[in-house]
N, C-alpha and C. Protein backbone atom coordinates (compact mmCIF):
# COMPACT_ATOMS: atom_id res chain seq x y z
N MET A 1 -16.37 -0.11 -10.46
CA MET A 1 -16.31 0.91 -9.43
C MET A 1 -15.84 0.03 -8.22
N ALA A 2 -16.43 -1.18 -8.10
CA ALA A 2 -15.89 -1.94 -6.91
C ALA A 2 -14.50 -1.83 -6.56
N PRO A 3 -13.61 -2.33 -7.46
CA PRO A 3 -12.19 -2.57 -7.14
C PRO A 3 -11.41 -1.19 -6.95
N ALA A 4 -12.20 -0.17 -7.57
CA ALA A 4 -11.53 1.31 -7.39
C ALA A 4 -11.66 1.86 -6.05
N LEU A 5 -12.71 1.12 -5.21
CA LEU A 5 -12.77 1.46 -3.68
C LEU A 5 -11.56 0.78 -2.86
N LEU A 6 -10.83 -0.24 -3.39
CA LEU A 6 -9.66 -0.73 -2.62
C LEU A 6 -8.56 0.42 -2.45
N GLY A 7 -8.33 0.41 -1.07
CA GLY A 7 -7.26 1.45 -0.63
C GLY A 7 -7.87 2.56 0.08
N GLY A 8 -9.35 2.89 -0.18
CA GLY A 8 -10.05 3.88 0.36
C GLY A 8 -10.10 3.66 1.79
N ARG A 9 -10.68 4.48 2.58
CA ARG A 9 -10.78 4.67 4.14
C ARG A 9 -12.31 4.58 4.60
N ILE A 10 -12.72 3.78 5.66
CA ILE A 10 -14.14 4.14 6.29
C ILE A 10 -13.53 4.90 7.68
N VAL A 11 -14.20 5.90 7.81
CA VAL A 11 -13.70 6.73 8.93
C VAL A 11 -15.04 6.73 10.07
N SER A 12 -15.12 6.17 10.97
CA SER A 12 -16.38 6.02 11.86
C SER A 12 -15.93 7.01 13.06
N LEU A 13 -16.98 7.80 13.54
CA LEU A 13 -17.02 8.53 14.81
C LEU A 13 -18.05 8.14 15.54
N VAL A 14 -18.54 6.92 15.37
CA VAL A 14 -19.74 6.44 16.12
C VAL A 14 -19.55 6.62 17.60
N GLY A 15 -20.44 7.00 18.40
CA GLY A 15 -20.44 6.98 19.91
C GLY A 15 -19.07 7.89 20.37
N GLY A 16 -18.74 8.89 19.45
CA GLY A 16 -17.74 9.86 19.78
C GLY A 16 -16.33 9.05 19.81
N GLU A 17 -16.12 7.97 19.19
CA GLU A 17 -14.69 7.25 19.22
C GLU A 17 -14.44 7.13 17.83
N ARG A 18 -13.19 7.57 17.46
CA ARG A 18 -12.67 7.53 15.91
C ARG A 18 -12.09 6.11 15.88
N THR A 19 -12.46 5.46 14.72
CA THR A 19 -11.88 4.32 14.24
C THR A 19 -11.85 4.27 12.81
N VAL A 20 -10.72 3.94 12.20
CA VAL A 20 -10.61 3.93 10.76
C VAL A 20 -10.04 2.49 10.19
N GLY A 21 -10.27 2.30 9.15
CA GLY A 21 -9.95 1.11 8.38
C GLY A 21 -9.88 1.26 6.94
N ARG A 22 -8.59 0.66 6.30
CA ARG A 22 -8.48 0.87 5.02
C ARG A 22 -9.11 -0.34 4.30
N ILE A 23 -9.86 -0.16 3.16
CA ILE A 23 -10.65 -1.17 2.43
C ILE A 23 -9.61 -2.13 1.78
N VAL A 24 -9.65 -3.45 2.03
CA VAL A 24 -8.85 -4.38 1.32
C VAL A 24 -9.76 -5.51 0.62
N GLU A 25 -11.01 -5.41 0.94
CA GLU A 25 -11.85 -6.47 0.26
C GLU A 25 -13.21 -5.92 0.07
N VAL A 26 -13.67 -6.17 -1.27
CA VAL A 26 -15.15 -5.77 -1.71
C VAL A 26 -15.85 -6.72 -2.49
N GLU A 27 -17.26 -6.70 -2.74
CA GLU A 27 -18.01 -7.37 -3.54
C GLU A 27 -19.07 -6.36 -4.17
N ALA A 28 -19.20 -6.56 -5.42
CA ALA A 28 -20.10 -5.89 -6.32
C ALA A 28 -21.34 -6.56 -6.37
N TYR A 29 -22.49 -5.72 -6.21
CA TYR A 29 -23.84 -6.14 -6.45
C TYR A 29 -24.45 -5.26 -7.53
N THR A 30 -24.81 -5.78 -8.63
CA THR A 30 -24.95 -4.99 -10.10
C THR A 30 -26.36 -4.61 -10.30
N GLY A 31 -27.43 -4.77 -9.41
CA GLY A 31 -28.71 -4.18 -9.48
C GLY A 31 -29.77 -5.24 -10.15
N LEU A 32 -30.63 -4.80 -10.78
CA LEU A 32 -31.80 -5.56 -11.22
C LEU A 32 -31.45 -6.88 -11.71
N ASP A 33 -30.42 -6.92 -12.63
CA ASP A 33 -30.19 -8.21 -13.42
C ASP A 33 -29.17 -9.04 -12.62
N ASP A 34 -28.94 -8.75 -11.41
CA ASP A 34 -27.83 -9.56 -10.61
C ASP A 34 -28.78 -10.18 -9.67
N PRO A 35 -28.96 -11.89 -9.93
CA PRO A 35 -29.89 -12.45 -9.08
C PRO A 35 -29.56 -12.51 -7.47
N ALA A 36 -28.05 -12.12 -7.15
CA ALA A 36 -27.85 -12.28 -5.80
C ALA A 36 -27.97 -11.03 -5.21
N SER A 37 -28.48 -10.00 -5.93
CA SER A 37 -28.70 -8.43 -5.19
C SER A 37 -29.99 -8.64 -4.44
N HIS A 38 -29.85 -7.75 -3.38
CA HIS A 38 -31.15 -7.50 -2.69
C HIS A 38 -32.26 -6.80 -3.55
N SER A 39 -31.53 -6.01 -4.55
CA SER A 39 -32.50 -5.31 -5.60
C SER A 39 -32.68 -6.07 -6.83
N ALA A 40 -32.60 -7.36 -6.89
CA ALA A 40 -32.84 -8.11 -8.00
C ALA A 40 -34.25 -7.76 -8.59
N ARG A 41 -34.48 -8.04 -9.83
CA ARG A 41 -35.80 -7.75 -10.34
C ARG A 41 -37.00 -8.45 -9.79
N ARG A 42 -36.57 -9.90 -9.32
CA ARG A 42 -37.46 -10.59 -8.76
C ARG A 42 -38.09 -10.35 -7.41
N ILE A 43 -37.16 -9.38 -6.76
CA ILE A 43 -37.50 -8.82 -5.40
C ILE A 43 -38.18 -7.30 -5.54
N GLY A 44 -37.70 -6.46 -6.47
CA GLY A 44 -38.05 -5.18 -6.38
C GLY A 44 -37.84 -4.24 -5.43
N ARG A 45 -38.22 -3.16 -5.27
CA ARG A 45 -37.93 -2.09 -4.39
C ARG A 45 -38.89 -2.40 -3.05
N THR A 46 -38.23 -2.43 -2.08
CA THR A 46 -38.70 -2.75 -0.72
C THR A 46 -38.21 -1.83 0.44
N ALA A 47 -38.92 -1.88 1.60
CA ALA A 47 -38.51 -0.98 2.80
C ALA A 47 -36.95 -1.37 2.93
N ARG A 48 -36.63 -2.57 2.82
CA ARG A 48 -35.19 -3.07 3.32
C ARG A 48 -34.17 -2.47 2.53
N ASN A 49 -34.39 -2.52 1.14
CA ASN A 49 -33.44 -2.17 0.21
C ASN A 49 -33.62 -0.68 -0.45
N GLU A 50 -34.51 -0.02 0.24
CA GLU A 50 -34.56 1.40 -0.34
C GLU A 50 -33.55 2.24 -0.36
N ALA A 51 -32.53 2.10 0.41
CA ALA A 51 -31.26 3.05 0.31
C ALA A 51 -30.45 2.68 -0.98
N MET A 52 -30.67 1.27 -1.62
CA MET A 52 -29.92 0.84 -2.53
C MET A 52 -30.28 1.91 -3.89
N PHE A 53 -31.69 2.22 -3.91
CA PHE A 53 -32.12 3.12 -4.93
C PHE A 53 -31.85 4.56 -4.95
N GLY A 54 -31.14 4.94 -3.70
CA GLY A 54 -30.90 6.49 -3.40
C GLY A 54 -29.62 7.01 -4.13
N LEU A 55 -29.18 8.00 -3.66
CA LEU A 55 -27.98 8.73 -4.22
C LEU A 55 -26.65 7.98 -4.00
N PRO A 56 -25.69 7.92 -5.00
CA PRO A 56 -24.46 7.24 -4.73
C PRO A 56 -23.82 7.95 -3.61
N ASP A 57 -22.77 7.21 -2.87
CA ASP A 57 -21.99 7.64 -1.85
C ASP A 57 -22.92 7.55 -0.51
N THR A 58 -24.13 6.63 -0.63
CA THR A 58 -25.02 6.48 0.44
C THR A 58 -24.67 5.11 1.29
N ALA A 59 -24.83 4.91 2.33
CA ALA A 59 -24.61 3.65 3.13
C ALA A 59 -25.91 2.96 2.92
N TYR A 60 -25.86 1.45 2.70
CA TYR A 60 -27.07 0.67 2.75
C TYR A 60 -26.43 -0.35 3.80
N VAL A 61 -27.28 -0.50 4.82
CA VAL A 61 -26.67 -1.20 5.96
C VAL A 61 -27.97 -2.25 6.21
N TYR A 62 -27.64 -3.60 6.39
CA TYR A 62 -28.58 -4.51 6.55
C TYR A 62 -28.13 -5.64 7.52
N LEU A 63 -29.14 -6.32 7.98
CA LEU A 63 -28.87 -7.51 8.94
C LEU A 63 -28.91 -8.77 8.36
N ILE A 64 -27.85 -9.60 8.56
CA ILE A 64 -27.90 -10.95 8.25
C ILE A 64 -28.09 -11.87 9.29
N TYR A 65 -28.62 -13.00 9.01
CA TYR A 65 -28.80 -14.08 10.25
C TYR A 65 -29.39 -13.45 11.52
N GLY A 66 -29.89 -12.30 11.53
CA GLY A 66 -30.45 -11.77 12.48
C GLY A 66 -29.43 -11.42 13.55
N VAL A 67 -28.09 -11.37 13.14
CA VAL A 67 -26.96 -11.14 14.11
C VAL A 67 -25.95 -10.14 13.61
N HIS A 68 -25.66 -10.00 12.22
CA HIS A 68 -24.55 -9.30 11.96
C HIS A 68 -24.94 -8.16 10.96
N TRP A 69 -24.38 -6.93 11.22
CA TRP A 69 -24.75 -5.65 10.19
C TRP A 69 -23.79 -5.74 9.02
N CYS A 70 -24.21 -5.51 7.96
CA CYS A 70 -23.44 -5.53 6.78
C CYS A 70 -23.33 -3.95 6.13
N LEU A 71 -22.18 -3.38 5.79
CA LEU A 71 -22.10 -2.10 5.10
C LEU A 71 -21.90 -2.23 3.77
N ASN A 72 -22.72 -1.48 3.00
CA ASN A 72 -22.46 -1.31 1.59
C ASN A 72 -22.50 0.19 1.18
N VAL A 73 -21.72 0.25 0.09
CA VAL A 73 -21.93 1.85 -0.53
C VAL A 73 -22.54 1.68 -1.90
N VAL A 74 -23.56 2.49 -1.83
CA VAL A 74 -24.28 2.71 -3.03
C VAL A 74 -23.49 3.39 -4.26
N THR A 75 -23.50 2.87 -5.29
CA THR A 75 -22.48 3.50 -6.24
C THR A 75 -22.97 3.99 -7.64
N ALA A 76 -24.40 3.64 -7.90
CA ALA A 76 -25.06 4.18 -9.13
C ALA A 76 -25.88 5.37 -8.97
N PRO A 77 -26.32 6.10 -10.01
CA PRO A 77 -27.28 7.17 -9.78
C PRO A 77 -28.52 6.70 -9.23
N ARG A 78 -29.23 7.66 -8.87
CA ARG A 78 -30.49 7.36 -7.90
C ARG A 78 -31.34 6.72 -8.87
N GLY A 79 -31.86 5.72 -8.27
CA GLY A 79 -32.98 4.78 -9.16
C GLY A 79 -32.29 3.61 -9.83
N GLU A 80 -31.10 3.46 -9.72
CA GLU A 80 -30.18 2.46 -10.28
C GLU A 80 -29.52 1.66 -9.09
N PRO A 81 -30.06 0.68 -8.55
CA PRO A 81 -29.89 -0.02 -7.32
C PRO A 81 -28.48 -0.87 -7.38
N GLU A 82 -27.35 -0.20 -7.51
CA GLU A 82 -26.15 -0.95 -7.23
C GLU A 82 -25.31 -0.53 -5.88
N ALA A 83 -24.69 -1.57 -5.63
CA ALA A 83 -24.00 -1.21 -4.32
C ALA A 83 -22.78 -2.10 -4.23
N VAL A 84 -21.84 -1.86 -3.39
CA VAL A 84 -20.51 -2.45 -3.03
C VAL A 84 -20.46 -2.83 -1.65
N LEU A 85 -20.53 -4.14 -1.43
CA LEU A 85 -20.27 -4.66 0.02
C LEU A 85 -18.84 -4.55 0.43
N ILE A 86 -18.73 -3.91 1.61
CA ILE A 86 -17.36 -3.85 2.19
C ILE A 86 -17.18 -5.00 3.06
N ARG A 87 -16.25 -5.97 2.54
CA ARG A 87 -16.05 -7.05 3.01
C ARG A 87 -14.91 -7.44 4.32
N ALA A 88 -14.00 -6.37 4.09
CA ALA A 88 -12.69 -6.48 5.07
C ALA A 88 -12.10 -5.15 5.08
N LEU A 89 -11.51 -4.80 6.24
CA LEU A 89 -10.71 -3.68 6.41
C LEU A 89 -9.39 -3.87 6.92
N GLU A 90 -8.39 -3.07 6.77
CA GLU A 90 -7.02 -3.20 7.57
C GLU A 90 -7.22 -2.14 8.45
N PRO A 91 -7.28 -2.46 9.88
CA PRO A 91 -7.64 -1.47 10.92
C PRO A 91 -6.23 -0.54 10.86
N MET A 92 -6.61 0.80 11.04
CA MET A 92 -5.56 1.96 10.89
C MET A 92 -5.57 2.70 12.18
N GLU A 93 -6.78 2.98 12.79
CA GLU A 93 -6.85 3.90 13.84
C GLU A 93 -7.89 3.52 14.75
N GLY A 94 -7.66 3.61 16.12
CA GLY A 94 -8.65 3.31 17.07
C GLY A 94 -8.69 1.67 17.32
N LEU A 95 -7.71 1.13 17.21
CA LEU A 95 -7.50 -0.40 17.56
C LEU A 95 -7.97 -0.74 18.97
N PRO A 96 -7.68 -0.16 19.75
CA PRO A 96 -8.31 -0.44 21.21
C PRO A 96 -9.63 -0.52 21.33
N VAL A 97 -10.28 0.52 20.50
CA VAL A 97 -11.81 0.70 20.52
C VAL A 97 -12.38 -0.54 19.77
N MET A 98 -11.67 -0.68 18.68
CA MET A 98 -12.16 -1.92 17.89
C MET A 98 -12.18 -3.16 18.50
N ALA A 99 -11.11 -3.38 19.47
CA ALA A 99 -10.90 -4.78 20.14
C ALA A 99 -11.77 -4.66 21.18
N ARG A 100 -12.17 -3.60 21.90
CA ARG A 100 -13.20 -3.70 22.97
C ARG A 100 -14.54 -4.10 22.38
N ARG A 101 -14.97 -3.48 21.24
CA ARG A 101 -16.15 -3.74 20.66
C ARG A 101 -16.23 -5.23 20.14
N ARG A 102 -15.15 -5.56 19.57
CA ARG A 102 -15.15 -7.19 19.06
C ARG A 102 -14.86 -8.11 20.07
N GLU A 103 -14.33 -7.48 21.47
CA GLU A 103 -13.95 -8.51 22.66
C GLU A 103 -13.08 -9.60 22.15
N ARG A 104 -12.01 -9.03 21.41
CA ARG A 104 -10.86 -9.94 20.83
C ARG A 104 -9.87 -9.00 20.34
N GLN A 105 -8.60 -9.55 20.16
CA GLN A 105 -7.52 -8.68 19.63
C GLN A 105 -7.29 -9.01 18.34
N ARG A 106 -7.58 -10.06 17.75
CA ARG A 106 -7.14 -10.47 16.17
C ARG A 106 -8.49 -10.35 15.44
N ASP A 107 -8.19 -10.48 14.02
CA ASP A 107 -9.21 -10.41 13.09
C ASP A 107 -10.36 -9.40 13.34
N LEU A 108 -9.91 -8.08 13.58
CA LEU A 108 -10.77 -6.98 14.21
C LEU A 108 -11.85 -6.74 13.04
N ALA A 109 -11.32 -6.60 11.58
CA ALA A 109 -12.44 -6.23 10.65
C ALA A 109 -12.19 -7.03 9.49
N SER A 110 -11.62 -8.34 9.62
CA SER A 110 -11.73 -9.40 8.34
C SER A 110 -13.00 -10.05 8.27
N GLY A 111 -13.98 -9.19 7.54
CA GLY A 111 -15.21 -9.99 7.45
C GLY A 111 -16.34 -8.71 7.52
N PRO A 112 -17.46 -8.95 6.80
CA PRO A 112 -18.36 -7.82 6.68
C PRO A 112 -19.00 -7.64 8.27
N GLY A 113 -19.34 -8.65 8.84
CA GLY A 113 -19.96 -8.64 10.19
C GLY A 113 -18.99 -8.08 11.30
N ARG A 114 -17.70 -8.46 11.14
CA ARG A 114 -16.60 -8.11 12.04
C ARG A 114 -16.38 -6.59 11.87
N LEU A 115 -16.25 -6.09 10.62
CA LEU A 115 -15.82 -4.82 10.41
C LEU A 115 -17.00 -3.72 11.04
N THR A 116 -18.20 -4.14 10.84
CA THR A 116 -19.35 -3.24 11.17
C THR A 116 -19.24 -3.22 12.75
N GLN A 117 -19.09 -4.34 13.50
CA GLN A 117 -18.84 -4.29 14.96
C GLN A 117 -17.88 -3.62 15.47
N ALA A 118 -16.55 -3.61 14.65
CA ALA A 118 -15.39 -2.79 15.05
C ALA A 118 -15.77 -1.37 14.90
N LEU A 119 -16.32 -0.88 13.92
CA LEU A 119 -16.60 0.44 13.56
C LEU A 119 -18.04 1.09 14.35
N GLY A 120 -18.67 0.17 15.06
CA GLY A 120 -19.86 0.57 15.81
C GLY A 120 -20.97 0.87 14.69
N VAL A 121 -20.99 0.28 13.58
CA VAL A 121 -22.11 0.20 12.62
C VAL A 121 -23.26 -0.38 12.90
N ASN A 122 -24.31 0.18 12.76
CA ASN A 122 -25.71 -0.67 12.86
C ASN A 122 -26.74 -0.21 12.01
N GLY A 123 -27.87 -0.60 12.19
CA GLY A 123 -29.05 -0.21 10.94
C GLY A 123 -29.35 1.11 11.11
N SER A 124 -28.92 1.93 12.17
CA SER A 124 -29.41 3.46 12.16
C SER A 124 -28.66 4.16 11.30
N LEU A 125 -27.61 3.72 10.67
CA LEU A 125 -26.78 4.26 9.80
C LEU A 125 -27.25 4.00 8.03
N ASP A 126 -28.33 3.23 8.12
CA ASP A 126 -28.84 2.72 6.63
C ASP A 126 -29.43 4.16 6.08
N GLY A 127 -28.81 4.35 4.93
CA GLY A 127 -29.35 5.63 4.03
C GLY A 127 -28.52 6.78 4.56
N HIS A 128 -27.46 6.65 5.41
CA HIS A 128 -26.53 7.76 5.80
C HIS A 128 -25.83 8.22 4.62
N PRO A 129 -25.67 9.48 4.37
CA PRO A 129 -24.75 10.15 3.35
C PRO A 129 -23.27 9.81 3.78
N LEU A 130 -22.51 8.98 3.13
CA LEU A 130 -21.05 8.90 3.44
C LEU A 130 -20.24 10.01 3.25
N ALA A 131 -20.50 10.92 2.99
CA ALA A 131 -19.64 12.26 3.03
C ALA A 131 -19.59 12.95 4.27
N GLN A 132 -20.68 12.48 5.24
CA GLN A 132 -20.99 13.17 6.37
C GLN A 132 -20.61 12.35 7.61
N PRO A 133 -19.92 12.81 8.71
CA PRO A 133 -19.90 12.13 10.01
C PRO A 133 -21.28 11.72 10.46
N PRO A 134 -21.50 10.62 11.17
CA PRO A 134 -20.30 9.97 11.97
C PRO A 134 -19.61 8.79 11.16
N LEU A 135 -20.10 8.61 9.88
CA LEU A 135 -19.61 7.44 8.94
C LEU A 135 -19.09 8.01 7.74
N ARG A 136 -17.95 8.04 7.30
CA ARG A 136 -17.41 8.43 6.02
C ARG A 136 -16.60 7.67 5.34
N LEU A 137 -16.78 7.85 3.85
CA LEU A 137 -15.88 7.14 2.96
C LEU A 137 -14.91 8.03 2.42
N GLU A 138 -13.62 7.76 2.63
CA GLU A 138 -12.57 8.44 1.92
C GLU A 138 -12.00 7.70 0.67
N LEU A 139 -12.21 8.30 -0.61
CA LEU A 139 -11.67 7.61 -1.57
C LEU A 139 -10.12 7.40 -1.57
N PRO A 140 -9.54 6.52 -2.33
CA PRO A 140 -8.19 6.14 -2.18
C PRO A 140 -7.52 7.14 -2.84
N ARG A 141 -6.36 7.55 -2.35
CA ARG A 141 -5.20 8.28 -3.08
C ARG A 141 -4.52 6.96 -3.80
N THR A 142 -3.60 7.74 -4.86
CA THR A 142 -2.95 6.93 -5.49
C THR A 142 -1.85 5.99 -4.91
N GLU A 143 -1.40 6.50 -3.93
CA GLU A 143 -0.50 5.72 -3.11
C GLU A 143 -1.07 4.81 -2.19
N ASP A 144 -2.42 4.78 -1.87
CA ASP A 144 -3.10 3.91 -0.97
C ASP A 144 -3.53 2.76 -1.75
N ARG A 145 -3.65 2.61 -3.04
CA ARG A 145 -3.93 1.62 -4.03
C ARG A 145 -3.27 0.30 -3.89
N PRO A 146 -3.88 -0.81 -3.84
CA PRO A 146 -2.92 -2.00 -3.90
C PRO A 146 -2.36 -2.21 -5.29
N SER A 147 -1.03 -2.72 -5.30
CA SER A 147 -0.60 -2.87 -6.58
C SER A 147 -1.08 -4.11 -7.41
N ARG A 148 -1.55 -5.02 -6.65
CA ARG A 148 -2.22 -6.22 -7.41
C ARG A 148 -3.45 -6.63 -6.65
N ILE A 149 -4.55 -6.80 -7.49
CA ILE A 149 -6.00 -6.80 -7.07
C ILE A 149 -6.54 -8.23 -7.50
N GLY A 150 -6.69 -9.13 -6.53
CA GLY A 150 -7.28 -10.60 -6.80
C GLY A 150 -8.59 -10.54 -7.22
N VAL A 151 -9.26 -11.41 -7.89
CA VAL A 151 -10.51 -11.53 -8.22
C VAL A 151 -11.08 -12.88 -8.32
N SER A 152 -12.27 -12.94 -7.62
CA SER A 152 -12.97 -14.48 -7.36
C SER A 152 -14.40 -14.13 -7.52
N GLY A 153 -14.98 -15.27 -7.32
CA GLY A 153 -16.52 -15.31 -7.12
C GLY A 153 -16.98 -14.97 -5.64
N ARG A 154 -18.04 -14.55 -5.58
CA ARG A 154 -18.70 -14.03 -4.27
C ARG A 154 -18.89 -14.86 -3.10
N ILE A 155 -18.71 -14.39 -1.93
CA ILE A 155 -18.79 -15.37 -0.76
C ILE A 155 -20.36 -15.45 -0.13
N GLY A 156 -20.68 -16.61 0.22
CA GLY A 156 -21.83 -16.69 1.21
C GLY A 156 -23.19 -16.30 0.41
N ILE A 157 -23.18 -16.74 -0.90
CA ILE A 157 -24.42 -16.57 -1.68
C ILE A 157 -24.69 -17.81 -2.54
N ARG A 158 -26.00 -18.17 -2.79
CA ARG A 158 -26.31 -19.22 -3.64
C ARG A 158 -26.49 -18.89 -5.15
N ARG A 159 -26.96 -17.79 -5.43
CA ARG A 159 -27.17 -17.38 -6.90
C ARG A 159 -25.84 -16.66 -7.41
N ALA A 160 -25.53 -16.97 -8.66
CA ALA A 160 -24.56 -16.12 -9.48
C ALA A 160 -23.29 -15.93 -8.65
N ARG A 161 -22.76 -16.93 -7.77
CA ARG A 161 -21.76 -17.04 -7.10
C ARG A 161 -20.39 -16.89 -7.94
N ARG A 162 -20.41 -17.55 -9.15
CA ARG A 162 -19.13 -17.60 -9.84
C ARG A 162 -18.96 -16.16 -10.79
N ARG A 163 -19.60 -15.43 -10.52
CA ARG A 163 -19.39 -13.98 -11.42
C ARG A 163 -18.36 -13.45 -10.57
N PRO A 164 -17.23 -12.88 -11.43
CA PRO A 164 -16.05 -12.31 -10.81
C PRO A 164 -16.36 -10.96 -10.33
N LEU A 165 -16.97 -10.86 -9.18
CA LEU A 165 -17.26 -9.56 -8.62
C LEU A 165 -16.77 -9.51 -7.21
N ARG A 166 -16.00 -10.30 -6.89
CA ARG A 166 -15.16 -10.08 -5.52
C ARG A 166 -13.83 -9.62 -5.92
N PHE A 167 -13.30 -8.44 -5.12
CA PHE A 167 -11.99 -8.05 -5.50
C PHE A 167 -11.48 -7.74 -3.94
N PHE A 168 -9.98 -7.96 -4.08
CA PHE A 168 -9.31 -8.08 -2.71
C PHE A 168 -7.80 -7.64 -2.97
N GLU A 169 -7.16 -7.14 -2.01
CA GLU A 169 -5.83 -6.69 -2.10
C GLU A 169 -5.05 -8.06 -1.87
N GLU A 170 -4.29 -8.43 -2.90
CA GLU A 170 -3.58 -9.59 -2.93
C GLU A 170 -2.30 -9.66 -1.86
N GLY A 171 -2.36 -10.62 -0.93
CA GLY A 171 -1.36 -10.71 -0.11
C GLY A 171 -1.76 -10.09 1.36
N SER A 172 -2.80 -9.32 1.36
CA SER A 172 -3.27 -8.79 2.63
C SER A 172 -3.80 -9.78 3.86
N PRO A 173 -3.03 -9.63 4.99
CA PRO A 173 -3.63 -10.69 6.01
C PRO A 173 -5.00 -10.31 6.60
N HIS A 174 -5.45 -9.09 6.22
CA HIS A 174 -6.70 -8.82 6.54
C HIS A 174 -7.72 -9.09 5.77
N VAL A 175 -7.63 -9.71 4.62
CA VAL A 175 -8.73 -10.18 3.83
C VAL A 175 -9.52 -11.33 4.52
N SER A 176 -10.86 -11.39 4.32
CA SER A 176 -11.76 -12.44 5.02
C SER A 176 -11.43 -13.77 4.29
N ARG A 177 -11.77 -14.87 5.18
CA ARG A 177 -11.62 -16.21 4.84
C ARG A 177 -13.00 -16.73 4.73
N GLY A 178 -13.28 -17.50 3.69
CA GLY A 178 -14.52 -17.98 3.38
C GLY A 178 -14.38 -18.68 1.99
N PRO A 179 -15.68 -19.80 1.72
CA PRO A 179 -15.74 -20.41 0.63
C PRO A 179 -16.12 -19.57 -0.61
N HIS A 180 -15.15 -19.45 -1.58
CA HIS A 180 -15.66 -18.52 -2.81
C HIS A 180 -15.16 -19.28 -3.98
N ALA A 181 -15.74 -18.95 -5.06
CA ALA A 181 -15.43 -19.67 -6.42
C ALA A 181 -14.19 -19.15 -6.94
N ARG A 182 -13.03 -19.96 -6.99
CA ARG A 182 -11.90 -19.73 -7.49
C ARG A 182 -11.93 -19.68 -9.00
N LEU A 183 -11.51 -18.57 -9.79
CA LEU A 183 -11.99 -18.50 -11.16
C LEU A 183 -10.72 -18.44 -11.99
N ASP A 184 -9.43 -18.66 -11.44
CA ASP A 184 -8.23 -18.86 -12.32
C ASP A 184 -8.16 -17.68 -13.21
N LEU A 185 -8.47 -16.37 -12.42
CA LEU A 185 -8.29 -15.20 -13.32
C LEU A 185 -6.93 -14.40 -12.79
N GLU A 186 -6.46 -13.75 -14.05
CA GLU A 186 -5.16 -12.91 -13.53
C GLU A 186 -5.51 -11.82 -12.67
N PRO A 187 -4.66 -11.49 -11.71
CA PRO A 187 -4.83 -10.33 -10.90
C PRO A 187 -4.81 -9.13 -11.77
N LEU A 188 -5.64 -8.09 -11.26
CA LEU A 188 -5.74 -6.62 -11.85
C LEU A 188 -4.52 -5.99 -11.46
N SER A 189 -4.22 -4.81 -12.08
CA SER A 189 -3.25 -3.95 -11.83
C SER A 189 -3.97 -2.73 -11.32
N SER A 190 -3.67 -2.10 -10.11
CA SER A 190 -4.62 -0.83 -9.87
C SER A 190 -4.31 0.32 -10.82
N GLN A 191 -3.12 0.13 -11.63
CA GLN A 191 -2.81 1.10 -12.78
C GLN A 191 -3.88 1.17 -13.79
N ASP A 192 -4.63 0.10 -14.08
CA ASP A 192 -5.61 -0.19 -14.88
C ASP A 192 -6.94 0.21 -14.71
N LEU A 193 -7.26 0.72 -13.34
CA LEU A 193 -8.53 1.03 -12.75
C LEU A 193 -9.08 2.48 -13.08
N PRO A 194 -10.26 2.66 -13.36
CA PRO A 194 -10.63 4.00 -13.48
C PRO A 194 -10.71 4.79 -12.03
N GLU A 195 -10.48 6.11 -12.05
CA GLU A 195 -10.56 6.97 -10.94
C GLU A 195 -11.89 6.79 -10.47
N PRO A 196 -12.19 6.65 -9.20
CA PRO A 196 -13.49 6.65 -8.57
C PRO A 196 -14.05 8.20 -8.62
N PRO A 197 -15.38 8.02 -8.72
CA PRO A 197 -15.83 9.43 -8.95
C PRO A 197 -16.00 10.13 -7.75
N LEU A 198 -15.76 11.48 -7.51
CA LEU A 198 -15.72 12.30 -6.38
C LEU A 198 -17.10 12.33 -5.89
N PRO A 199 -17.24 12.18 -4.59
CA PRO A 199 -18.58 12.13 -3.71
C PRO A 199 -19.28 13.50 -4.13
């Protein structure tokens, strides 16, 4: 499911201001048997990760380092805590709003903490249905999908970091930068991906 979200759009109307970004980088967290997941079996179900156990197409929003909010899309049926972290967006609409929120003109949404700041996303949207405003996920149309999708290990985690669960649009200048496990894998073709399920 994670690579099938590439090319989709996140539409934010937070604060009455429209900002839109096209998804260019994601990471998958695959539930109970993923030791890097917030819902790993050793952690169990908690108040923090409750949204992960909810309906698919729900936002799971959490704080890291006490500073940065991260936006995830719940992808599995209710009770199966799987989610996709949105790691980077290509800004499409509302760039002046994003720049004001970010207090800079560059790298507006190249990283999970940066993109939530640009979109105005915070913990109040944890558990929000992503089919509804003020934060919506629009699945990619065929023409929006990247032609080549890179694969690597995940960034910023200690456990299972070499699992090939980070997917990104090859050649995009908006992909985040960070230490990740290079796995010497062939890029995927978007033509080989399944259609994402309708919300």
